[in-house]
Protein backbone atom coordinates (compact mmCIF):
# COMPACT_ATOMS: atom_id res chain seq x y z
CA MET A 1 -22.66 -17.29 -1.04
CA LEU A 2 -19.02 -17.24 -0.02
CA ASP A 3 -18.25 -18.73 3.38
CA ASN A 4 -16.77 -16.69 6.22
CA LYS A 5 -13.24 -17.97 5.65
CA VAL A 6 -13.19 -16.73 2.07
CA ARG A 7 -14.88 -13.44 2.91
CA TYR A 8 -12.40 -12.77 5.74
CA PHE A 9 -9.41 -13.60 3.56
CA ILE A 10 -10.60 -11.47 0.63
CA TRP A 11 -11.27 -8.40 2.78
CA ASN A 12 -8.25 -8.62 5.06
CA VAL A 13 -5.58 -9.98 2.70
CA ILE A 14 -6.55 -9.93 -0.99
CA HIS A 15 -8.10 -6.45 -0.95
CA PRO A 16 -5.07 -4.77 0.74
CA VAL A 17 -2.71 -6.57 -1.64
CA ASN A 18 -4.71 -5.18 -4.58
CA GLU A 19 -4.19 -1.71 -3.09
CA ILE A 20 -0.45 -2.40 -2.77
CA PHE A 21 -0.41 -3.61 -6.39
CA HIS A 22 -1.80 -0.21 -7.37
CA LEU A 23 0.54 1.82 -5.15
CA VAL A 24 3.76 0.22 -6.37
CA GLY A 25 2.85 0.88 -9.99
CA LYS A 26 1.83 -2.49 -11.41
CA LYS A 27 -1.57 -1.32 -12.67
CA SER A 28 -0.62 2.19 -13.76
CA LEU A 29 2.08 4.68 -12.85
CA PRO A 30 3.47 4.30 -9.32
CA ILE A 31 2.06 6.53 -6.60
CA TYR A 32 4.93 8.69 -5.32
CA ASN A 33 6.21 7.15 -2.09
CA ASP A 34 6.82 9.77 0.58
CA GLU A 35 9.42 7.96 2.69
CA GLN A 36 8.62 9.98 5.83
CA TYR A 37 4.86 9.39 5.65
CA SER A 38 4.69 6.26 3.53
CA LEU A 39 1.24 4.92 2.73
CA LEU A 40 2.88 1.95 1.03
CA GLN A 41 4.87 1.10 4.16
CA GLU A 42 1.68 1.29 6.23
CA LYS A 43 -0.23 -0.99 3.85
CA LEU A 44 2.58 -3.56 3.83
CA GLY A 45 2.79 -3.63 7.61
CA ARG A 46 -0.96 -4.02 7.99
CA VAL A 47 -1.36 -6.87 5.51
CA CYS A 48 1.52 -8.75 7.19
CA ALA A 49 -0.24 -8.26 10.54
CA LYS A 50 -3.45 -9.63 9.01
CA ILE A 51 -1.60 -12.73 7.80
CA LEU A 52 -0.23 -13.12 11.33
CA HIS A 53 -3.81 -13.01 12.66
CA VAL A 54 -5.30 -15.45 10.14
CA PHE A 55 -4.21 -18.42 12.28
CA GLU A 56 -5.99 -16.96 15.33
CA GLN A 57 -9.39 -16.47 13.67
CA PRO A 58 -12.13 -19.00 14.58
CA GLU A 59 -12.82 -19.64 10.89
CA PHE A 60 -9.24 -20.84 10.39
CA SER A 61 -7.88 -21.98 13.77
CA THR A 62 -10.10 -25.07 13.95
CA GLU A 63 -8.18 -26.42 10.94
CA TYR A 64 -4.70 -24.93 11.33
CA GLY A 65 -4.06 -22.53 14.18
CA ILE A 66 -1.14 -21.00 16.04
CA ALA A 67 0.78 -24.29 16.11
CA LYS A 68 0.79 -24.28 12.31
CA ARG A 69 1.89 -20.64 12.26
CA ASN A 70 4.79 -21.49 14.55
CA GLU A 71 5.74 -24.38 12.27
CA LEU A 72 5.74 -22.15 9.17
CA ASN A 73 7.68 -19.45 11.02
CA LYS A 74 10.46 -21.87 11.92
CA GLU A 75 11.22 -22.52 8.26
CA ASP A 76 13.05 -19.16 8.18
CA GLY A 77 11.71 -18.26 4.75
CA ALA A 78 8.92 -16.11 3.35
CA PHE A 79 6.53 -16.83 6.23
CA HIS A 80 9.17 -15.93 8.82
CA ARG A 81 9.81 -12.57 7.17
CA VAL A 82 6.14 -11.73 6.64
CA LEU A 83 5.19 -12.77 10.18
CA SER A 84 8.14 -10.83 11.61
CA LEU A 85 6.98 -7.66 9.86
CA GLY A 86 3.47 -8.39 11.12
CA ILE A 87 4.78 -8.61 14.70
CA LYS A 88 6.63 -5.31 14.25
CA GLU A 89 3.48 -3.66 12.89
CA LYS A 90 1.41 -5.01 15.78
CA HIS A 91 3.76 -4.15 18.65
CA GLY A 92 6.01 -1.46 17.18
CA ARG A 93 9.10 -3.59 17.70
CA VAL A 94 10.25 -7.22 17.68
CA SER A 95 10.91 -8.56 21.17
CA ASN A 96 9.92 -12.20 20.61
CA GLN A 97 13.06 -14.24 19.88
CA ASN A 98 11.10 -16.42 17.45
CA TYR A 99 10.89 -13.50 15.03
CA SER A 100 13.54 -11.29 13.43
CA GLU A 101 14.13 -7.57 13.05
CA PHE A 102 13.97 -6.34 9.45
CA ASP A 103 14.18 -2.83 8.05
CA LEU A 104 11.75 -2.02 5.26
CA VAL A 105 13.32 -0.11 2.36
CA ILE A 106 11.31 0.98 -0.67
CA PRO A 107 13.43 1.70 -3.76
CA LEU A 108 11.97 2.64 -7.13
CA CYS A 109 13.41 0.04 -9.51
CA ALA A 110 13.80 0.41 -13.26
CA TYR A 111 14.30 -2.75 -15.34
CA VAL A 112 15.55 -2.10 -18.87
CA PHE A 113 15.63 -4.45 -21.86
CA THR A 114 18.53 -2.63 -23.50
CA ASP A 115 18.43 -4.39 -26.87
CA SER A 116 14.73 -3.77 -27.47
CA LYS A 117 14.76 -0.37 -25.77
CA ALA A 118 11.88 -1.30 -23.51
CA TYR A 119 11.53 -1.12 -19.75
CA ASP A 120 9.38 -1.53 -16.70
CA TYR A 121 9.53 0.25 -13.37
CA PHE A 122 7.78 0.08 -10.02
CA TYR A 123 8.46 0.31 -6.32
CA SER A 124 10.06 -2.89 -5.08
CA PRO A 125 9.90 -2.96 -1.24
CA GLN A 126 12.68 -4.97 0.39
CA LEU A 127 13.16 -6.38 3.88
CA ARG A 128 16.77 -5.88 4.98
CA ASP A 129 18.15 -8.10 7.74
CA GLU A 130 20.87 -7.19 10.22
CA GLY A 131 23.53 -8.54 7.87
CA GLY A 132 22.41 -6.25 5.04
CA ARG A 133 20.82 -8.97 2.91
CA GLU A 134 17.57 -7.97 1.24
CA TYR A 135 14.43 -9.94 0.41
CA SER A 136 11.50 -8.91 -1.76
CA ILE A 137 8.47 -8.53 0.51
CA LEU A 138 6.22 -8.68 -2.57
CA GLU A 139 7.61 -12.11 -3.49
CA ASP A 140 7.21 -13.21 0.12
CA LEU A 141 3.59 -12.03 0.22
CA GLU A 142 2.80 -13.78 -3.05
CA HIS A 143 4.22 -17.04 -1.67
CA CYS A 144 2.39 -16.75 1.66
CA ILE A 145 -0.96 -15.91 0.09
CA ASN A 146 -0.83 -18.78 -2.38
CA SER A 147 0.27 -21.14 0.42
CA LEU A 148 -2.60 -20.08 2.68
CA ILE A 149 -5.14 -20.44 -0.12
CA ALA A 150 -3.92 -24.01 -0.65
CA LEU A 151 -3.64 -24.78 3.08
CA TYR A 152 -7.19 -23.76 3.88
CA ASP A 153 -8.63 -24.84 0.50
CA LEU A 154 -10.03 -21.37 -0.14
CA ARG A 155 -12.09 -20.86 -3.28
CA ILE A 156 -10.14 -17.80 -4.39
CA GLN A 157 -8.49 -17.13 -7.73
CA PHE A 158 -5.36 -15.18 -6.82
CA ASN A 159 -3.57 -14.53 -10.08
CA ILE A 160 -1.74 -11.31 -9.23
CA GLU A 161 1.95 -11.51 -10.08
CA LEU A 162 3.34 -8.88 -7.76
CA CYS A 163 6.88 -8.93 -9.16
CA ALA A 164 6.36 -9.70 -12.85
CA ILE A 165 8.63 -7.59 -15.07
CA GLU A 166 7.30 -6.73 -18.52
CA PRO A 167 8.51 -4.56 -21.43
CA LYS A 168 5.72 -2.13 -20.58
CA TYR A 169 7.25 1.17 -21.73
CA SER A 170 9.46 2.24 -24.64
CA VAL A 171 12.67 4.24 -24.42
CA GLU A 172 12.00 7.51 -26.24
CA ASN A 173 14.70 9.94 -27.34
CA GLU A 174 17.27 7.81 -25.49
CA THR A 175 15.44 8.58 -22.25
CA VAL A 176 13.86 6.34 -19.62
CA ASN A 177 10.88 8.20 -18.20
CA LEU A 178 10.25 7.36 -14.55
CA HIS A 179 7.10 9.26 -13.69
CA THR A 180 5.28 8.83 -10.40
CA ILE A 181 1.84 10.18 -9.57
CA ASP A 182 1.82 13.16 -7.23
CA SER A 183 -1.60 12.56 -5.69
CA TYR A 184 -1.41 15.43 -3.19
CA ASN A 185 0.52 18.04 -5.20
CA TYR A 186 3.73 17.70 -3.21
CA PHE A 187 5.64 19.02 -6.19
CA GLU A 188 3.74 22.31 -6.22
CA ASN A 189 4.48 22.65 -2.52
CA GLY A 190 8.22 22.40 -3.10
CA MET A 191 8.80 18.63 -2.97
CA THR A 192 12.12 17.90 -4.67
CA SER A 193 12.20 15.32 -7.45
CA SER A 194 14.30 12.80 -5.53
CA CYS A 195 13.89 9.09 -4.93
CA ASN A 196 15.72 5.95 -3.89
CA LEU A 197 16.38 4.72 -7.42
CA ARG A 198 17.89 1.40 -8.49
CA THR A 199 18.47 0.46 -12.13
CA PHE A 200 18.82 -3.02 -13.64
CA GLU A 201 19.66 -4.43 -17.04
CA PHE A 202 18.60 -7.80 -18.45
CA SER A 203 21.75 -9.83 -18.98
CA GLY A 204 22.38 -13.57 -19.14
CA ASN A 205 18.74 -14.43 -18.43
CA SER A 206 18.72 -12.44 -15.19
CA TRP A 207 18.45 -8.89 -13.92
CA VAL A 208 21.71 -7.33 -12.77
CA PRO A 209 22.35 -3.88 -11.26
CA ALA A 210 23.69 -1.58 -13.98
CA ASP A 211 24.20 2.02 -14.98
CA LEU A 212 21.83 2.52 -17.87
CA PRO A 213 23.06 3.71 -21.29
CA PHE A 214 20.11 6.13 -21.38
CA SER A 215 19.17 9.37 -19.70
CA ILE A 216 16.72 9.14 -16.81
CA ASP A 217 13.85 11.56 -16.41
CA PHE A 218 12.38 11.19 -12.91
CA ARG A 219 9.49 13.48 -12.16
CA LEU A 220 6.24 13.76 -10.25
CA VAL A 221 3.10 14.20 -12.33
CA LYS A 222 -0.40 15.13 -11.30
CA SER A 223 -2.96 12.36 -11.37
CA GLU A 224 -5.23 14.28 -13.74
CA SER A 225 -2.39 14.49 -16.28
CA VAL A 226 -2.19 10.71 -16.56
CA ALA A 227 -4.17 9.31 -19.47
């Protein structure tokens, strides 16, 4: 039987991250992100708040508690950003000077391997600081989760690569199809086919922003129409 530490971590951290993995489009097509009523934004805020609370739970605090959280927060890296978003989710704003204010933006990103005419696309949530610099919250979550599993010696196999880019789809008829699942039939109710879209091209062993040499077909599709 799994101990309470592992059970807590699976239910409060791993399970929500699996839901996020599905929403952004890493398992199948992305679920359309309604920016005004964003389920993805809610899930991200909640899992960051749960990571904030891990250090306060009796199962964890006897080993590494709030003092360890404060130490990790001071490093001004992934933990600082995740914990800051957790504070904002918990209190609605950031008033503690030990944490920072970040805006969460959720662009739909298309990554195209131009030479092989293949591509991948998914929502890539970013935390934007006051200076306009952006950080991938998915990369930050992946780092924090793996660090906590190691810190508390949890018997959990976490092998989800939240930001892995693969040549998953093929360019057909010189068109990149960016289809998102319309779970609640927004489109039939007059939802316009708009999104915060960013496009990237693989160049020099890295992904760089680029205007794609292909047409883009962005549309909402019903979940039952997805094979």
